[in-house]
Amino acid sequence: MARAIPIALILAAMASPPLLAKPLSSAVEVEEESADARKELKKARRELLELQRKIKRKEIPSVEFEFNSAVLRDYSKTALDMVAELMLRHPDLKLMVFGYTCDIGSEEYNLWLSQKRTDAVKDYLVSIGVYGEFVKAKGYGEAHPLVPNDSEENRKQNRRVEFVLTTRWWHSVY
C-alpha cells in the first residue's frame, strides 16, 4: 500500500526552490567555458601532434597489428599508453579513433578488419583508464589511402590508425 505524503510537505516543497536546481549560465560564463575548452583542445592537439611526429621519426613505435588480425602488437602499446596519458590529462576531451587498411583483400573484409582494429585500440585505452564514453572508433577500410597502393611500402603507410581530439558531444559529430 502506498504511503500518504502529508500535504504540508508537498506545499513546503512547492514553495522552496529545488535543491538540485542550477542557475542558468550567463552568456559571459558560457563564453569563458568555451574559451577554456578551446584552449585545452589546442594544447592537447599540440601534444598529440608531437606524439605523431615522434612516431614518424621512429622515436616511438607506431600502432600496428598482427597480420590479418585485430591483435595489437606489443610495441604498439607504447604509443597508446601516451594517448591514454593525454586523455587522462585532458578529461573533458573526446577522442575519435579512425582505422584504415591497404587494398589487399575485399572492400567488405577491409572495412570489417579496420573496425575490429579500431575497436581493439579503444578497448586497450579503456583497459588502462580512459573513459569509454569519450572514445569513438570508426573503421574506413581501404578508403582514403595516403598514397597509391602500388608497393608494399605504400601499403604499409595506408595501414594506419589516426586520432582526432574534439570537445564536441557525439550527437553533434556523428
N, C-alpha and C. Protein backbone atom coordinates (compact mmCIF):
# COMPACT_ATOMS: atom_id res chain seq x y z
N MET A 1 0.84 -1.17 0.00
CA MET A 1 0.00 0.00 0.00
C MET A 1 0.89 1.24 0.00
N ALA A 2 0.56 2.22 -0.83
CA ALA A 2 1.33 3.45 -0.93
C ALA A 2 1.19 4.28 0.32
N ARG A 3 2.27 4.89 0.74
CA ARG A 3 2.27 5.73 1.91
C ARG A 3 1.83 7.14 1.52
N ALA A 4 0.97 7.75 2.30
CA ALA A 4 0.46 9.09 2.01
C ALA A 4 1.50 10.12 2.44
N ILE A 5 1.71 11.12 1.60
CA ILE A 5 2.64 12.20 1.91
C ILE A 5 1.82 13.34 2.50
N PRO A 6 2.20 13.83 3.66
CA PRO A 6 1.44 14.93 4.27
C PRO A 6 1.41 16.15 3.36
N ILE A 7 0.27 16.77 3.23
CA ILE A 7 0.08 17.93 2.37
C ILE A 7 1.02 19.07 2.73
N ALA A 8 1.38 19.20 4.00
CA ALA A 8 2.28 20.27 4.43
C ALA A 8 3.66 20.12 3.78
N LEU A 9 4.13 18.87 3.61
CA LEU A 9 5.43 18.63 2.96
C LEU A 9 5.36 18.98 1.47
N ILE A 10 4.27 18.66 0.84
CA ILE A 10 4.11 18.98 -0.59
C ILE A 10 4.11 20.49 -0.79
N LEU A 11 3.35 21.21 0.05
CA LEU A 11 3.29 22.66 -0.06
C LEU A 11 4.66 23.30 0.22
N ALA A 12 5.38 22.77 1.21
CA ALA A 12 6.70 23.31 1.53
C ALA A 12 7.67 23.10 0.37
N ALA A 13 7.60 21.94 -0.27
CA ALA A 13 8.47 21.65 -1.40
C ALA A 13 8.16 22.57 -2.57
N MET A 14 6.88 22.88 -2.76
CA MET A 14 6.49 23.75 -3.86
C MET A 14 6.93 25.19 -3.62
N ALA A 15 7.02 25.58 -2.37
CA ALA A 15 7.35 26.97 -2.04
C ALA A 15 8.84 27.24 -2.15
N SER A 16 9.69 26.24 -1.92
CA SER A 16 11.14 26.48 -1.95
C SER A 16 11.72 25.96 -3.26
N PRO A 17 12.81 26.56 -3.72
CA PRO A 17 13.42 26.09 -4.97
C PRO A 17 14.02 24.70 -4.77
N PRO A 18 14.05 23.89 -5.80
CA PRO A 18 14.65 22.56 -5.68
C PRO A 18 16.12 22.67 -5.30
N LEU A 19 16.59 21.74 -4.49
CA LEU A 19 17.98 21.77 -4.03
C LEU A 19 18.96 21.52 -5.17
N LEU A 20 18.55 20.75 -6.17
CA LEU A 20 19.46 20.40 -7.24
C LEU A 20 19.43 21.37 -8.41
N ALA A 21 18.56 22.38 -8.34
CA ALA A 21 18.46 23.31 -9.45
C ALA A 21 19.74 24.12 -9.56
N LYS A 22 20.17 24.35 -10.79
CA LYS A 22 21.38 25.13 -11.05
C LYS A 22 20.96 26.40 -11.77
N PRO A 23 21.47 27.54 -11.34
CA PRO A 23 21.08 28.78 -12.03
C PRO A 23 21.55 28.74 -13.48
N LEU A 24 20.81 29.40 -14.33
CA LEU A 24 21.19 29.47 -15.73
C LEU A 24 22.50 30.21 -15.87
N SER A 25 23.34 29.76 -16.78
CA SER A 25 24.61 30.42 -17.02
C SER A 25 24.38 31.69 -17.82
N SER A 26 25.16 32.68 -17.51
CA SER A 26 25.09 33.90 -18.30
C SER A 26 25.87 33.68 -19.59
N ALA A 27 25.66 34.55 -20.55
CA ALA A 27 26.39 34.45 -21.82
C ALA A 27 27.89 34.58 -21.60
N VAL A 28 28.31 35.40 -20.63
CA VAL A 28 29.72 35.58 -20.33
C VAL A 28 30.32 34.29 -19.80
N GLU A 29 29.59 33.61 -18.89
CA GLU A 29 30.09 32.36 -18.32
C GLU A 29 30.22 31.29 -19.40
N VAL A 30 29.25 31.21 -20.29
CA VAL A 30 29.30 30.23 -21.38
C VAL A 30 30.49 30.52 -22.28
N GLU A 31 30.72 31.80 -22.59
CA GLU A 31 31.84 32.18 -23.44
C GLU A 31 33.17 31.84 -22.78
N GLU A 32 33.28 32.08 -21.45
CA GLU A 32 34.51 31.75 -20.73
C GLU A 32 34.76 30.25 -20.74
N GLU A 33 33.69 29.45 -20.50
CA GLU A 33 33.83 27.99 -20.55
C GLU A 33 34.27 27.56 -21.94
N SER A 34 33.68 28.15 -22.95
CA SER A 34 34.00 27.80 -24.32
C SER A 34 35.45 28.16 -24.64
N ALA A 35 35.90 29.32 -24.16
CA ALA A 35 37.29 29.74 -24.39
C ALA A 35 38.24 28.79 -23.68
N ASP A 36 37.91 28.38 -22.46
CA ASP A 36 38.75 27.42 -21.73
C ASP A 36 38.80 26.09 -22.46
N ALA A 37 37.67 25.64 -22.98
CA ALA A 37 37.62 24.37 -23.71
C ALA A 37 38.47 24.45 -24.97
N ARG A 38 38.38 25.57 -25.68
CA ARG A 38 39.19 25.73 -26.90
C ARG A 38 40.68 25.74 -26.57
N LYS A 39 41.04 26.39 -25.47
CA LYS A 39 42.44 26.45 -25.05
C LYS A 39 42.95 25.05 -24.70
N GLU A 40 42.13 24.30 -23.97
CA GLU A 40 42.52 22.93 -23.60
C GLU A 40 42.66 22.06 -24.85
N LEU A 41 41.72 22.19 -25.78
CA LEU A 41 41.76 21.40 -27.01
C LEU A 41 43.01 21.74 -27.81
N LYS A 42 43.33 23.01 -27.92
CA LYS A 42 44.52 23.44 -28.67
C LYS A 42 45.79 22.85 -28.06
N LYS A 43 45.88 22.89 -26.75
CA LYS A 43 47.06 22.33 -26.06
C LYS A 43 47.15 20.82 -26.29
N ALA A 44 46.04 20.12 -26.15
CA ALA A 44 46.04 18.67 -26.33
C ALA A 44 46.36 18.29 -27.77
N ARG A 45 45.87 19.06 -28.73
CA ARG A 45 46.18 18.77 -30.13
C ARG A 45 47.67 18.94 -30.41
N ARG A 46 48.29 19.94 -29.78
CA ARG A 46 49.75 20.10 -29.93
C ARG A 46 50.48 18.88 -29.38
N GLU A 47 50.02 18.40 -28.23
CA GLU A 47 50.65 17.21 -27.62
C GLU A 47 50.48 15.99 -28.53
N LEU A 48 49.29 15.83 -29.09
CA LEU A 48 49.04 14.70 -29.99
C LEU A 48 49.88 14.82 -31.25
N LEU A 49 50.01 16.02 -31.78
CA LEU A 49 50.83 16.24 -32.96
C LEU A 49 52.29 15.89 -32.68
N GLU A 50 52.78 16.25 -31.51
CA GLU A 50 54.15 15.91 -31.13
C GLU A 50 54.32 14.39 -31.04
N LEU A 51 53.33 13.71 -30.49
CA LEU A 51 53.37 12.24 -30.43
C LEU A 51 53.44 11.66 -31.84
N GLN A 52 52.64 12.20 -32.75
CA GLN A 52 52.65 11.71 -34.13
C GLN A 52 54.00 11.97 -34.80
N ARG A 53 54.62 13.10 -34.49
CA ARG A 53 55.95 13.39 -35.03
C ARG A 53 56.98 12.39 -34.53
N LYS A 54 56.90 12.05 -33.25
CA LYS A 54 57.83 11.06 -32.68
C LYS A 54 57.65 9.70 -33.34
N ILE A 55 56.41 9.35 -33.65
CA ILE A 55 56.15 8.08 -34.33
C ILE A 55 56.74 8.13 -35.74
N LYS A 56 56.53 9.23 -36.42
CA LYS A 56 57.06 9.37 -37.78
C LYS A 56 58.58 9.31 -37.81
N ARG A 57 59.22 9.90 -36.78
CA ARG A 57 60.69 9.87 -36.69
C ARG A 57 61.19 8.55 -36.12
N LYS A 58 60.27 7.64 -35.81
CA LYS A 58 60.57 6.31 -35.27
C LYS A 58 61.20 6.36 -33.88
N GLU A 59 60.92 7.44 -33.13
CA GLU A 59 61.33 7.52 -31.74
C GLU A 59 60.41 6.68 -30.87
N ILE A 60 59.18 6.51 -31.35
CA ILE A 60 58.16 5.70 -30.67
C ILE A 60 57.59 4.76 -31.73
N PRO A 61 57.37 3.49 -31.39
CA PRO A 61 56.77 2.58 -32.38
C PRO A 61 55.34 3.00 -32.73
N SER A 62 54.97 2.77 -33.97
CA SER A 62 53.62 3.10 -34.41
C SER A 62 52.63 2.04 -33.91
N VAL A 63 51.35 2.32 -34.10
CA VAL A 63 50.30 1.38 -33.71
C VAL A 63 50.15 0.39 -34.86
N GLU A 64 50.46 -0.87 -34.58
CA GLU A 64 50.38 -1.92 -35.60
C GLU A 64 49.72 -3.16 -35.01
N PHE A 65 49.28 -4.01 -35.91
CA PHE A 65 48.54 -5.22 -35.54
C PHE A 65 49.20 -6.45 -36.14
N GLU A 66 48.90 -7.59 -35.56
CA GLU A 66 49.35 -8.85 -36.14
C GLU A 66 48.76 -8.96 -37.55
N PHE A 67 49.44 -9.70 -38.43
CA PHE A 67 49.00 -9.83 -39.81
C PHE A 67 47.56 -10.35 -39.88
N ASN A 68 46.74 -9.67 -40.67
CA ASN A 68 45.37 -10.10 -40.94
C ASN A 68 44.56 -10.30 -39.65
N SER A 69 44.81 -9.43 -38.68
CA SER A 69 44.24 -9.60 -37.35
C SER A 69 44.00 -8.26 -36.69
N ALA A 70 43.19 -8.27 -35.63
CA ALA A 70 42.96 -7.07 -34.84
C ALA A 70 43.73 -7.14 -33.52
N VAL A 71 44.71 -8.03 -33.43
CA VAL A 71 45.52 -8.15 -32.23
C VAL A 71 46.66 -7.14 -32.29
N LEU A 72 46.71 -6.26 -31.30
CA LEU A 72 47.75 -5.25 -31.24
C LEU A 72 49.12 -5.89 -31.02
N ARG A 73 50.12 -5.40 -31.73
CA ARG A 73 51.50 -5.82 -31.44
C ARG A 73 51.91 -5.18 -30.13
N ASP A 74 52.69 -5.89 -29.34
CA ASP A 74 53.05 -5.40 -28.01
C ASP A 74 53.69 -4.01 -28.04
N TYR A 75 54.56 -3.77 -29.01
CA TYR A 75 55.24 -2.47 -29.06
C TYR A 75 54.28 -1.31 -29.36
N SER A 76 53.10 -1.61 -29.90
CA SER A 76 52.11 -0.57 -30.18
C SER A 76 51.57 0.08 -28.92
N LYS A 77 51.68 -0.64 -27.83
CA LYS A 77 51.10 -0.14 -26.57
C LYS A 77 51.86 1.07 -26.04
N THR A 78 53.08 1.28 -26.48
CA THR A 78 53.85 2.46 -26.06
C THR A 78 53.12 3.73 -26.51
N ALA A 79 52.78 3.79 -27.78
CA ALA A 79 52.07 4.97 -28.31
C ALA A 79 50.68 5.09 -27.69
N LEU A 80 50.00 3.97 -27.54
CA LEU A 80 48.66 4.01 -26.97
C LEU A 80 48.67 4.43 -25.51
N ASP A 81 49.71 4.04 -24.78
CA ASP A 81 49.85 4.50 -23.39
C ASP A 81 49.99 6.01 -23.35
N MET A 82 50.70 6.56 -24.32
CA MET A 82 50.88 8.01 -24.37
C MET A 82 49.58 8.71 -24.75
N VAL A 83 48.80 8.12 -25.63
CA VAL A 83 47.48 8.67 -25.97
C VAL A 83 46.59 8.64 -24.74
N ALA A 84 46.63 7.55 -23.99
CA ALA A 84 45.82 7.45 -22.76
C ALA A 84 46.24 8.51 -21.75
N GLU A 85 47.54 8.72 -21.58
CA GLU A 85 48.01 9.77 -20.66
C GLU A 85 47.48 11.13 -21.08
N LEU A 86 47.50 11.39 -22.37
CA LEU A 86 46.98 12.64 -22.90
C LEU A 86 45.50 12.80 -22.54
N MET A 87 44.74 11.74 -22.74
CA MET A 87 43.30 11.79 -22.44
C MET A 87 43.06 11.97 -20.95
N LEU A 88 43.86 11.37 -20.13
CA LEU A 88 43.69 11.49 -18.69
C LEU A 88 44.08 12.88 -18.19
N ARG A 89 45.02 13.53 -18.88
CA ARG A 89 45.40 14.91 -18.52
C ARG A 89 44.34 15.91 -18.97
N HIS A 90 43.56 15.52 -19.97
CA HIS A 90 42.52 16.40 -20.53
C HIS A 90 41.18 15.66 -20.49
N PRO A 91 40.60 15.49 -19.30
CA PRO A 91 39.44 14.62 -19.14
C PRO A 91 38.15 15.12 -19.80
N ASP A 92 38.10 16.36 -20.25
CA ASP A 92 36.89 16.86 -20.91
C ASP A 92 36.90 16.64 -22.41
N LEU A 93 38.00 16.16 -22.95
CA LEU A 93 38.10 15.95 -24.39
C LEU A 93 37.60 14.57 -24.78
N LYS A 94 37.19 14.48 -26.03
CA LYS A 94 36.77 13.21 -26.60
C LYS A 94 37.78 12.83 -27.69
N LEU A 95 37.90 11.54 -27.93
CA LEU A 95 38.87 11.03 -28.89
C LEU A 95 38.17 10.21 -29.95
N MET A 96 38.45 10.54 -31.20
CA MET A 96 37.96 9.73 -32.31
C MET A 96 39.14 8.92 -32.83
N VAL A 97 38.93 7.62 -32.97
CA VAL A 97 39.96 6.71 -33.47
C VAL A 97 39.50 6.24 -34.84
N PHE A 98 40.29 6.51 -35.87
CA PHE A 98 39.96 6.10 -37.23
C PHE A 98 40.97 5.07 -37.69
N GLY A 99 40.49 4.01 -38.32
CA GLY A 99 41.36 2.95 -38.80
C GLY A 99 41.23 2.74 -40.29
N TYR A 100 42.37 2.40 -40.93
CA TYR A 100 42.42 2.20 -42.37
C TYR A 100 43.26 0.97 -42.69
N THR A 101 42.99 0.37 -43.83
CA THR A 101 43.76 -0.78 -44.31
C THR A 101 44.33 -0.44 -45.69
N CYS A 102 45.14 -1.35 -46.20
CA CYS A 102 45.58 -1.23 -47.59
C CYS A 102 44.51 -1.89 -48.46
N ASP A 103 44.81 -2.09 -49.74
CA ASP A 103 43.81 -2.63 -50.65
C ASP A 103 43.86 -4.14 -50.83
N ILE A 104 44.70 -4.82 -50.05
CA ILE A 104 44.76 -6.28 -50.16
C ILE A 104 43.53 -6.85 -49.46
N GLY A 105 42.76 -7.66 -50.16
CA GLY A 105 41.52 -8.21 -49.63
C GLY A 105 40.33 -7.45 -50.19
N SER A 106 39.14 -7.98 -49.92
CA SER A 106 37.93 -7.33 -50.45
C SER A 106 37.61 -6.07 -49.66
N GLU A 107 36.85 -5.18 -50.27
CA GLU A 107 36.45 -3.94 -49.59
C GLU A 107 35.69 -4.25 -48.31
N GLU A 108 34.79 -5.23 -48.39
CA GLU A 108 33.97 -5.59 -47.23
C GLU A 108 34.84 -6.12 -46.09
N TYR A 109 35.79 -6.98 -46.43
CA TYR A 109 36.67 -7.53 -45.41
C TYR A 109 37.53 -6.43 -44.78
N ASN A 110 38.07 -5.55 -45.61
CA ASN A 110 38.92 -4.48 -45.09
C ASN A 110 38.14 -3.51 -44.21
N LEU A 111 36.89 -3.26 -44.55
CA LEU A 111 36.06 -2.42 -43.70
C LEU A 111 35.83 -3.09 -42.35
N TRP A 112 35.54 -4.38 -42.38
CA TRP A 112 35.34 -5.15 -41.14
C TRP A 112 36.62 -5.16 -40.30
N LEU A 113 37.76 -5.45 -40.97
CA LEU A 113 39.04 -5.53 -40.26
C LEU A 113 39.42 -4.17 -39.64
N SER A 114 39.22 -3.10 -40.37
CA SER A 114 39.58 -1.79 -39.83
C SER A 114 38.70 -1.44 -38.63
N GLN A 115 37.44 -1.84 -38.65
CA GLN A 115 36.57 -1.60 -37.49
C GLN A 115 37.02 -2.43 -36.29
N LYS A 116 37.36 -3.68 -36.53
CA LYS A 116 37.84 -4.54 -35.43
C LYS A 116 39.13 -3.96 -34.83
N ARG A 117 39.99 -3.44 -35.66
CA ARG A 117 41.25 -2.86 -35.17
C ARG A 117 41.01 -1.60 -34.36
N THR A 118 40.12 -0.72 -34.82
CA THR A 118 39.84 0.48 -34.02
C THR A 118 39.15 0.11 -32.72
N ASP A 119 38.31 -0.92 -32.75
CA ASP A 119 37.69 -1.40 -31.51
C ASP A 119 38.77 -1.92 -30.54
N ALA A 120 39.78 -2.60 -31.08
CA ALA A 120 40.88 -3.10 -30.23
C ALA A 120 41.65 -1.94 -29.60
N VAL A 121 41.86 -0.87 -30.37
CA VAL A 121 42.54 0.31 -29.83
C VAL A 121 41.70 0.91 -28.71
N LYS A 122 40.41 1.08 -28.95
CA LYS A 122 39.52 1.63 -27.93
C LYS A 122 39.53 0.74 -26.69
N ASP A 123 39.39 -0.56 -26.88
CA ASP A 123 39.38 -1.49 -25.75
C ASP A 123 40.65 -1.37 -24.92
N TYR A 124 41.79 -1.24 -25.59
CA TYR A 124 43.05 -1.10 -24.86
C TYR A 124 43.06 0.20 -24.06
N LEU A 125 42.66 1.30 -24.69
CA LEU A 125 42.64 2.59 -23.99
C LEU A 125 41.71 2.54 -22.77
N VAL A 126 40.57 1.91 -22.93
CA VAL A 126 39.63 1.78 -21.81
C VAL A 126 40.23 0.90 -20.71
N SER A 127 40.94 -0.14 -21.10
CA SER A 127 41.51 -1.06 -20.11
C SER A 127 42.57 -0.38 -19.23
N ILE A 128 43.14 0.72 -19.72
CA ILE A 128 44.16 1.41 -18.91
C ILE A 128 43.64 2.73 -18.33
N GLY A 129 42.32 2.92 -18.37
CA GLY A 129 41.74 4.03 -17.61
C GLY A 129 41.02 5.12 -18.37
N VAL A 130 41.05 5.10 -19.70
CA VAL A 130 40.33 6.13 -20.45
C VAL A 130 38.84 5.80 -20.40
N TYR A 131 38.03 6.82 -20.17
CA TYR A 131 36.58 6.64 -20.07
C TYR A 131 36.01 6.26 -21.44
N GLY A 132 35.40 5.10 -21.53
CA GLY A 132 34.92 4.55 -22.79
C GLY A 132 33.94 5.43 -23.55
N GLU A 133 33.11 6.17 -22.84
CA GLU A 133 32.14 7.03 -23.50
C GLU A 133 32.80 8.21 -24.21
N PHE A 134 34.07 8.45 -23.92
CA PHE A 134 34.77 9.57 -24.53
C PHE A 134 35.64 9.13 -25.70
N VAL A 135 35.48 7.88 -26.14
CA VAL A 135 36.24 7.37 -27.28
C VAL A 135 35.28 6.75 -28.28
N LYS A 136 35.38 7.15 -29.53
CA LYS A 136 34.61 6.55 -30.61
C LYS A 136 35.59 5.95 -31.60
N ALA A 137 35.26 4.76 -32.08
CA ALA A 137 36.13 4.05 -33.01
C ALA A 137 35.39 3.84 -34.33
N LYS A 138 36.04 4.17 -35.44
CA LYS A 138 35.42 4.04 -36.75
C LYS A 138 36.44 3.52 -37.74
N GLY A 139 36.10 2.41 -38.39
CA GLY A 139 36.96 1.84 -39.41
C GLY A 139 36.50 2.26 -40.80
N TYR A 140 37.44 2.61 -41.65
CA TYR A 140 37.13 3.04 -43.01
C TYR A 140 37.66 2.08 -44.07
N GLY A 141 38.26 0.98 -43.65
CA GLY A 141 38.78 0.02 -44.62
C GLY A 141 39.85 0.64 -45.51
N GLU A 142 39.74 0.37 -46.80
CA GLU A 142 40.75 0.86 -47.73
C GLU A 142 40.43 2.25 -48.29
N ALA A 143 39.37 2.86 -47.81
CA ALA A 143 39.02 4.22 -48.24
C ALA A 143 40.07 5.21 -47.73
N HIS A 144 40.24 6.29 -48.43
CA HIS A 144 41.14 7.39 -48.04
C HIS A 144 42.61 6.97 -47.89
N PRO A 145 43.18 6.32 -48.89
CA PRO A 145 44.61 5.99 -48.79
C PRO A 145 45.46 7.25 -48.80
N LEU A 146 46.57 7.21 -48.07
CA LEU A 146 47.51 8.34 -48.07
C LEU A 146 48.29 8.39 -49.36
N VAL A 147 48.65 7.21 -49.86
CA VAL A 147 49.45 7.08 -51.08
C VAL A 147 48.87 5.94 -51.90
N PRO A 148 49.20 5.86 -53.20
CA PRO A 148 48.69 4.75 -54.01
C PRO A 148 49.15 3.40 -53.46
N ASN A 149 48.31 2.41 -53.51
CA ASN A 149 48.64 1.06 -53.03
C ASN A 149 49.40 0.29 -54.10
N ASP A 150 50.52 0.84 -54.56
CA ASP A 150 51.25 0.21 -55.65
C ASP A 150 52.57 -0.43 -55.24
N SER A 151 52.88 -0.41 -53.95
CA SER A 151 54.08 -1.09 -53.45
C SER A 151 53.83 -1.48 -52.00
N GLU A 152 54.64 -2.39 -51.49
CA GLU A 152 54.47 -2.82 -50.10
C GLU A 152 54.73 -1.66 -49.13
N GLU A 153 55.70 -0.82 -49.45
CA GLU A 153 55.98 0.35 -48.60
C GLU A 153 54.77 1.28 -48.54
N ASN A 154 54.13 1.51 -49.68
CA ASN A 154 52.94 2.37 -49.70
C ASN A 154 51.77 1.71 -48.96
N ARG A 155 51.61 0.41 -49.16
CA ARG A 155 50.52 -0.29 -48.45
C ARG A 155 50.71 -0.19 -46.94
N LYS A 156 51.95 -0.27 -46.50
CA LYS A 156 52.23 -0.15 -45.07
C LYS A 156 51.81 1.23 -44.55
N GLN A 157 52.04 2.27 -45.34
CA GLN A 157 51.63 3.62 -44.93
C GLN A 157 50.10 3.74 -44.85
N ASN A 158 49.41 3.02 -45.71
CA ASN A 158 47.94 3.10 -45.73
C ASN A 158 47.29 2.29 -44.61
N ARG A 159 48.02 1.32 -44.06
CA ARG A 159 47.52 0.57 -42.89
C ARG A 159 47.85 1.41 -41.66
N ARG A 160 46.87 2.15 -41.18
CA ARG A 160 47.17 3.11 -40.12
C ARG A 160 45.97 3.32 -39.20
N VAL A 161 46.29 3.92 -38.06
CA VAL A 161 45.30 4.36 -37.09
C VAL A 161 45.54 5.85 -36.88
N GLU A 162 44.48 6.64 -36.93
CA GLU A 162 44.59 8.08 -36.72
C GLU A 162 43.74 8.48 -35.52
N PHE A 163 44.18 9.52 -34.83
CA PHE A 163 43.47 10.02 -33.65
C PHE A 163 43.08 11.48 -33.89
N VAL A 164 41.85 11.82 -33.53
CA VAL A 164 41.37 13.20 -33.62
C VAL A 164 40.71 13.54 -32.30
N LEU A 165 41.11 14.68 -31.74
CA LEU A 165 40.53 15.16 -30.48
C LEU A 165 39.42 16.17 -30.76
N THR A 166 38.42 16.17 -29.90
CA THR A 166 37.33 17.12 -30.03
C THR A 166 36.75 17.44 -28.65
N THR A 167 36.06 18.56 -28.57
CA THR A 167 35.32 18.90 -27.35
C THR A 167 33.84 18.66 -27.55
N ARG A 168 33.45 18.34 -28.77
CA ARG A 168 32.03 18.20 -29.11
C ARG A 168 31.47 16.88 -28.62
N TRP A 169 30.18 16.88 -28.32
CA TRP A 169 29.50 15.65 -27.95
C TRP A 169 29.19 14.85 -29.20
N TRP A 170 29.10 13.54 -29.06
CA TRP A 170 28.99 12.64 -30.21
C TRP A 170 27.79 12.93 -31.09
N HIS A 171 26.67 13.30 -30.52
CA HIS A 171 25.49 13.55 -31.35
C HIS A 171 25.71 14.71 -32.32
N SER A 172 26.67 15.57 -32.02
CA SER A 172 26.96 16.67 -32.95
C SER A 172 28.06 16.31 -33.94
N VAL A 173 28.73 15.18 -33.71
CA VAL A 173 29.82 14.75 -34.60
C VAL A 173 29.31 13.69 -35.59
N TYR A 174 28.57 12.71 -35.08
CA TYR A 174 28.09 11.61 -35.93
C TYR A 174 26.68 11.83 -36.38
